[in-house]
Each structure stands twice: as structure tokens, then as C-alpha cells.
């Protein structure tokens, strides 16, 4: 595994969740094509996500929980933007 693998590995769930733009997907896919250890990690994470989806298919989170999670995501994103803007 190379020094840049940590950055790519941190973006695997973004890829799996469809959160990367086209350029990000292409860049990560190119790395996965060249790096067998990262590809193994991607495949493991993909299988884990599929297993969780199958196991939880009948379960639905309460609306209040969904609202709380979305609020926290928004807070984190706003904080990240403020940090990036310096």
C-alpha cells in the first residue's frame, strides 16, 4: 500500500454511497485498478454495505432520528466549509 492509499481509502464509502463527482469517481477507480490492497478493501466494504442493507431492509428509522442525523450532517458540513475558508 502506498502513501496516498489512506486518502483513497477514506473516500471508498463516498464512492459506495454515490457521493463522489465524476472526476472523483474516475480518480478513485483508477487507483483501485492499480492497487490490489485498496481494491480488496473496496470489495470488502462493498460486501459489508450490501450485508447491512439486506439485514436492515425491514427496519425503518423513526422520523425524529432521521431529522437529527440530517441536522448533524449539515452542522459538520458547515463546519468543514468554515475551516476550509479559513
N, C-alpha and C. Protein backbone atom coordinates (compact mmCIF):
# COMPACT_ATOMS: atom_id res chain seq x y z
N UNK A 1 0.85 -1.17 0.00
CA UNK A 1 0.00 0.00 0.00
C UNK A 1 0.89 1.23 0.00
N UNK A 2 0.57 2.18 -0.87
CA UNK A 2 1.37 3.39 -0.98
C UNK A 2 0.96 4.46 0.01
N UNK A 3 1.74 5.51 0.05
CA UNK A 3 1.49 6.61 0.98
C UNK A 3 0.16 7.29 0.72
N UNK A 4 -0.27 7.36 -0.53
CA UNK A 4 -1.52 8.04 -0.86
C UNK A 4 -2.75 7.16 -0.65
N UNK A 5 -2.56 5.91 -0.30
CA UNK A 5 -3.69 4.98 -0.15
C UNK A 5 -4.67 5.44 0.93
N UNK A 6 -4.19 6.04 1.99
CA UNK A 6 -5.07 6.50 3.07
C UNK A 6 -6.13 7.46 2.57
N UNK A 7 -5.73 8.37 1.68
CA UNK A 7 -6.69 9.32 1.11
C UNK A 7 -7.73 8.59 0.27
N UNK A 8 -7.29 7.65 -0.53
CA UNK A 8 -8.23 6.90 -1.37
C UNK A 8 -9.15 6.03 -0.51
N UNK A 9 -8.59 5.38 0.50
CA UNK A 9 -9.41 4.53 1.36
C UNK A 9 -10.46 5.34 2.11
N UNK A 10 -10.15 6.58 2.45
CA UNK A 10 -11.12 7.40 3.17
C UNK A 10 -12.29 7.79 2.28
N UNK A 11 -12.13 7.66 0.97
CA UNK A 11 -13.21 8.03 0.05
C UNK A 11 -14.02 6.85 -0.47
N UNK A 12 -13.69 5.64 -0.01
CA UNK A 12 -14.41 4.46 -0.50
C UNK A 12 -15.90 4.54 -0.20
N UNK A 13 -16.26 4.93 1.02
CA UNK A 13 -17.69 4.98 1.35
C UNK A 13 -18.39 6.08 0.57
N UNK A 14 -17.69 7.15 0.24
CA UNK A 14 -18.29 8.18 -0.62
C UNK A 14 -18.59 7.59 -1.99
N UNK A 15 -17.70 6.75 -2.49
CA UNK A 15 -17.93 6.08 -3.77
C UNK A 15 -19.12 5.14 -3.66
N UNK A 16 -19.13 4.33 -2.62
CA UNK A 16 -20.22 3.37 -2.44
C UNK A 16 -21.57 4.05 -2.25
N UNK A 17 -21.57 5.23 -1.65
CA UNK A 17 -22.82 5.95 -1.39
C UNK A 17 -23.20 6.90 -2.53
N UNK A 18 -22.41 6.91 -3.61
CA UNK A 18 -22.71 7.77 -4.75
C UNK A 18 -22.49 9.24 -4.47
N UNK A 19 -21.57 9.56 -3.57
CA UNK A 19 -21.34 10.95 -3.16
C UNK A 19 -20.16 11.61 -3.87
N UNK A 20 -19.44 10.88 -4.70
CA UNK A 20 -18.31 11.47 -5.42
C UNK A 20 -18.77 12.00 -6.77
N UNK A 21 -18.17 13.10 -7.20
CA UNK A 21 -18.47 13.59 -8.55
C UNK A 21 -17.74 12.71 -9.56
N UNK A 22 -17.99 12.95 -10.83
CA UNK A 22 -17.43 12.11 -11.89
C UNK A 22 -15.90 12.06 -11.83
N UNK A 23 -15.27 13.20 -11.61
CA UNK A 23 -13.81 13.24 -11.55
C UNK A 23 -13.30 12.45 -10.35
N UNK A 24 -13.95 12.59 -9.21
CA UNK A 24 -13.55 11.84 -8.02
C UNK A 24 -13.72 10.34 -8.20
N UNK A 25 -14.83 9.95 -8.83
CA UNK A 25 -15.06 8.52 -9.11
C UNK A 25 -13.98 7.97 -10.03
N UNK A 26 -13.68 8.72 -11.09
CA UNK A 26 -12.68 8.26 -12.05
C UNK A 26 -11.31 8.14 -11.40
N UNK A 27 -10.96 9.12 -10.57
CA UNK A 27 -9.66 9.10 -9.90
C UNK A 27 -9.56 7.92 -8.94
N UNK A 28 -10.60 7.70 -8.16
CA UNK A 28 -10.58 6.59 -7.21
C UNK A 28 -10.58 5.25 -7.94
N UNK A 29 -11.39 5.14 -9.00
CA UNK A 29 -11.43 3.89 -9.76
C UNK A 29 -10.08 3.59 -10.39
N UNK A 30 -9.41 4.62 -10.90
CA UNK A 30 -8.07 4.42 -11.48
C UNK A 30 -7.11 3.89 -10.42
N UNK A 31 -7.19 4.43 -9.21
CA UNK A 31 -6.33 3.95 -8.14
C UNK A 31 -6.66 2.50 -7.79
N UNK A 32 -7.95 2.18 -7.69
CA UNK A 32 -8.35 0.81 -7.36
C UNK A 32 -7.87 -0.17 -8.42
N UNK A 33 -7.87 0.25 -9.68
CA UNK A 33 -7.40 -0.61 -10.77
C UNK A 33 -5.90 -0.90 -10.66
N UNK A 34 -5.17 0.00 -10.02
CA UNK A 34 -3.71 -0.12 -9.92
C UNK A 34 -3.22 -0.66 -8.57
N UNK A 35 -4.10 -0.70 -7.56
CA UNK A 35 -3.67 -1.03 -6.20
C UNK A 35 -4.50 -2.19 -5.63
N UNK A 36 -4.00 -3.41 -5.73
CA UNK A 36 -4.76 -4.56 -5.23
C UNK A 36 -5.17 -4.47 -3.75
N UNK A 37 -4.32 -3.98 -2.83
CA UNK A 37 -4.77 -3.89 -1.44
C UNK A 37 -5.97 -2.95 -1.27
N UNK A 38 -5.98 -1.83 -1.96
CA UNK A 38 -7.11 -0.90 -1.87
C UNK A 38 -8.35 -1.51 -2.52
N UNK A 39 -8.15 -2.24 -3.62
CA UNK A 39 -9.28 -2.91 -4.27
C UNK A 39 -9.88 -3.95 -3.34
N UNK A 40 -9.04 -4.68 -2.62
CA UNK A 40 -9.54 -5.65 -1.64
C UNK A 40 -10.38 -4.96 -0.58
N UNK A 41 -9.91 -3.83 -0.09
CA UNK A 41 -10.64 -3.08 0.94
C UNK A 41 -11.97 -2.58 0.38
N UNK A 42 -11.96 -2.08 -0.85
CA UNK A 42 -13.19 -1.62 -1.50
C UNK A 42 -14.19 -2.76 -1.61
N UNK A 43 -13.73 -3.92 -2.07
CA UNK A 43 -14.64 -5.06 -2.23
C UNK A 43 -15.20 -5.51 -0.89
N UNK A 44 -14.39 -5.50 0.14
CA UNK A 44 -14.85 -5.86 1.48
C UNK A 44 -15.91 -4.87 1.97
N UNK A 45 -15.65 -3.58 1.79
CA UNK A 45 -16.61 -2.55 2.22
C UNK A 45 -17.90 -2.64 1.42
N UNK A 46 -17.81 -2.96 0.13
CA UNK A 46 -19.00 -3.10 -0.71
C UNK A 46 -19.85 -4.28 -0.23
N UNK A 47 -19.20 -5.39 0.08
CA UNK A 47 -19.92 -6.56 0.59
C UNK A 47 -20.54 -6.27 1.96
N UNK A 48 -19.81 -5.57 2.82
CA UNK A 48 -20.33 -5.22 4.13
C UNK A 48 -21.56 -4.33 4.01
N UNK A 49 -21.50 -3.36 3.12
CA UNK A 49 -22.64 -2.47 2.91
C UNK A 49 -23.85 -3.26 2.41
N UNK A 50 -23.63 -4.17 1.48
CA UNK A 50 -24.73 -4.99 0.95
C UNK A 50 -25.32 -5.87 2.05
N UNK A 51 -24.48 -6.43 2.90
CA UNK A 51 -24.95 -7.26 4.00
C UNK A 51 -25.80 -6.46 4.97
N UNK A 52 -25.35 -5.27 5.32
CA UNK A 52 -26.11 -4.41 6.22
C UNK A 52 -27.44 -4.03 5.59
N UNK A 53 -27.44 -3.71 4.30
CA UNK A 53 -28.69 -3.36 3.62
C UNK A 53 -29.68 -4.53 3.65
N UNK A 54 -29.20 -5.73 3.40
CA UNK A 54 -30.09 -6.90 3.43
C UNK A 54 -30.60 -7.16 4.83
N UNK A 55 -29.73 -7.02 5.81
CA UNK A 55 -30.11 -7.30 7.20
C UNK A 55 -31.08 -6.27 7.75
N UNK A 56 -31.01 -5.07 7.26
CA UNK A 56 -31.84 -3.98 7.80
C UNK A 56 -32.97 -3.57 6.87
N UNK A 57 -33.23 -4.37 5.84
CA UNK A 57 -34.22 -3.98 4.83
C UNK A 57 -35.61 -3.77 5.42
N UNK A 58 -35.95 -4.49 6.47
CA UNK A 58 -37.29 -4.38 7.06
C UNK A 58 -37.35 -3.31 8.15
N UNK A 59 -36.22 -2.81 8.56
CA UNK A 59 -36.17 -1.83 9.64
C UNK A 59 -36.22 -0.41 9.07
N UNK A 60 -36.99 0.45 9.71
CA UNK A 60 -37.06 1.85 9.31
C UNK A 60 -36.78 2.71 10.53
N UNK A 61 -35.89 3.66 10.36
CA UNK A 61 -35.56 4.57 11.46
C UNK A 61 -36.73 5.53 11.68
N UNK A 62 -36.97 5.89 12.94
CA UNK A 62 -38.02 6.88 13.22
C UNK A 62 -37.69 8.21 12.56
N UNK A 63 -38.72 8.96 12.19
CA UNK A 63 -38.53 10.25 11.53
C UNK A 63 -37.68 11.20 12.37
N UNK A 64 -37.85 11.17 13.68
CA UNK A 64 -37.08 12.06 14.56
C UNK A 64 -35.59 11.75 14.46
N UNK A 65 -35.24 10.48 14.38
CA UNK A 65 -33.83 10.09 14.26
C UNK A 65 -33.27 10.58 12.93
N UNK A 66 -34.04 10.39 11.88
CA UNK A 66 -33.61 10.85 10.55
C UNK A 66 -33.35 12.36 10.57
N UNK A 67 -34.25 13.11 11.18
CA UNK A 67 -34.10 14.56 11.27
C UNK A 67 -32.84 14.93 12.03
N UNK A 68 -32.59 14.26 13.16
CA UNK A 68 -31.39 14.53 13.96
C UNK A 68 -30.11 14.26 13.16
N UNK A 69 -30.10 13.15 12.45
CA UNK A 69 -28.92 12.78 11.67
C UNK A 69 -28.66 13.81 10.57
N UNK A 70 -29.71 14.20 9.87
CA UNK A 70 -29.55 15.20 8.81
C UNK A 70 -29.07 16.54 9.36
N UNK A 71 -29.55 16.92 10.54
CA UNK A 71 -29.10 18.16 11.16
C UNK A 71 -27.62 18.09 11.51
N UNK A 72 -27.19 16.95 12.03
CA UNK A 72 -25.77 16.80 12.38
C UNK A 72 -24.89 16.81 11.14
N UNK A 73 -25.35 16.17 10.08
CA UNK A 73 -24.59 16.18 8.83
C UNK A 73 -24.43 17.61 8.34
N UNK A 74 -25.50 18.37 8.38
CA UNK A 74 -25.45 19.77 7.95
C UNK A 74 -24.47 20.55 8.81
N UNK A 75 -24.50 20.34 10.11
CA UNK A 75 -23.59 21.03 11.02
C UNK A 75 -22.13 20.70 10.69
N UNK A 76 -21.84 19.44 10.45
CA UNK A 76 -20.48 19.02 10.12
C UNK A 76 -20.05 19.65 8.81
N UNK A 77 -20.92 19.64 7.81
CA UNK A 77 -20.56 20.21 6.51
C UNK A 77 -20.30 21.71 6.62
N UNK A 78 -21.13 22.42 7.36
CA UNK A 78 -20.94 23.86 7.54
C UNK A 78 -19.62 24.12 8.25
N UNK A 79 -19.32 23.32 9.27
CA UNK A 79 -18.06 23.47 10.00
C UNK A 79 -16.87 23.22 9.07
N UNK A 80 -16.96 22.18 8.23
CA UNK A 80 -15.87 21.89 7.30
C UNK A 80 -15.66 23.03 6.32
N UNK A 81 -16.73 23.61 5.82
CA UNK A 81 -16.62 24.73 4.88
C UNK A 81 -15.95 25.91 5.56
N UNK A 82 -16.36 26.20 6.79
CA UNK A 82 -15.77 27.33 7.52
C UNK A 82 -14.28 27.11 7.76
N UNK A 83 -13.91 25.88 8.08
CA UNK A 83 -12.50 25.56 8.31
C UNK A 83 -11.72 25.72 7.01
N UNK A 84 -12.28 25.24 5.91
CA UNK A 84 -11.61 25.34 4.62
C UNK A 84 -11.46 26.79 4.17
N UNK A 85 -12.45 27.61 4.50
CA UNK A 85 -12.40 29.02 4.11
C UNK A 85 -11.42 29.81 4.97
N UNK A 86 -11.08 29.21 6.12
CA UNK A 86 -10.07 29.78 7.00
C UNK A 86 -10.49 30.93 7.78
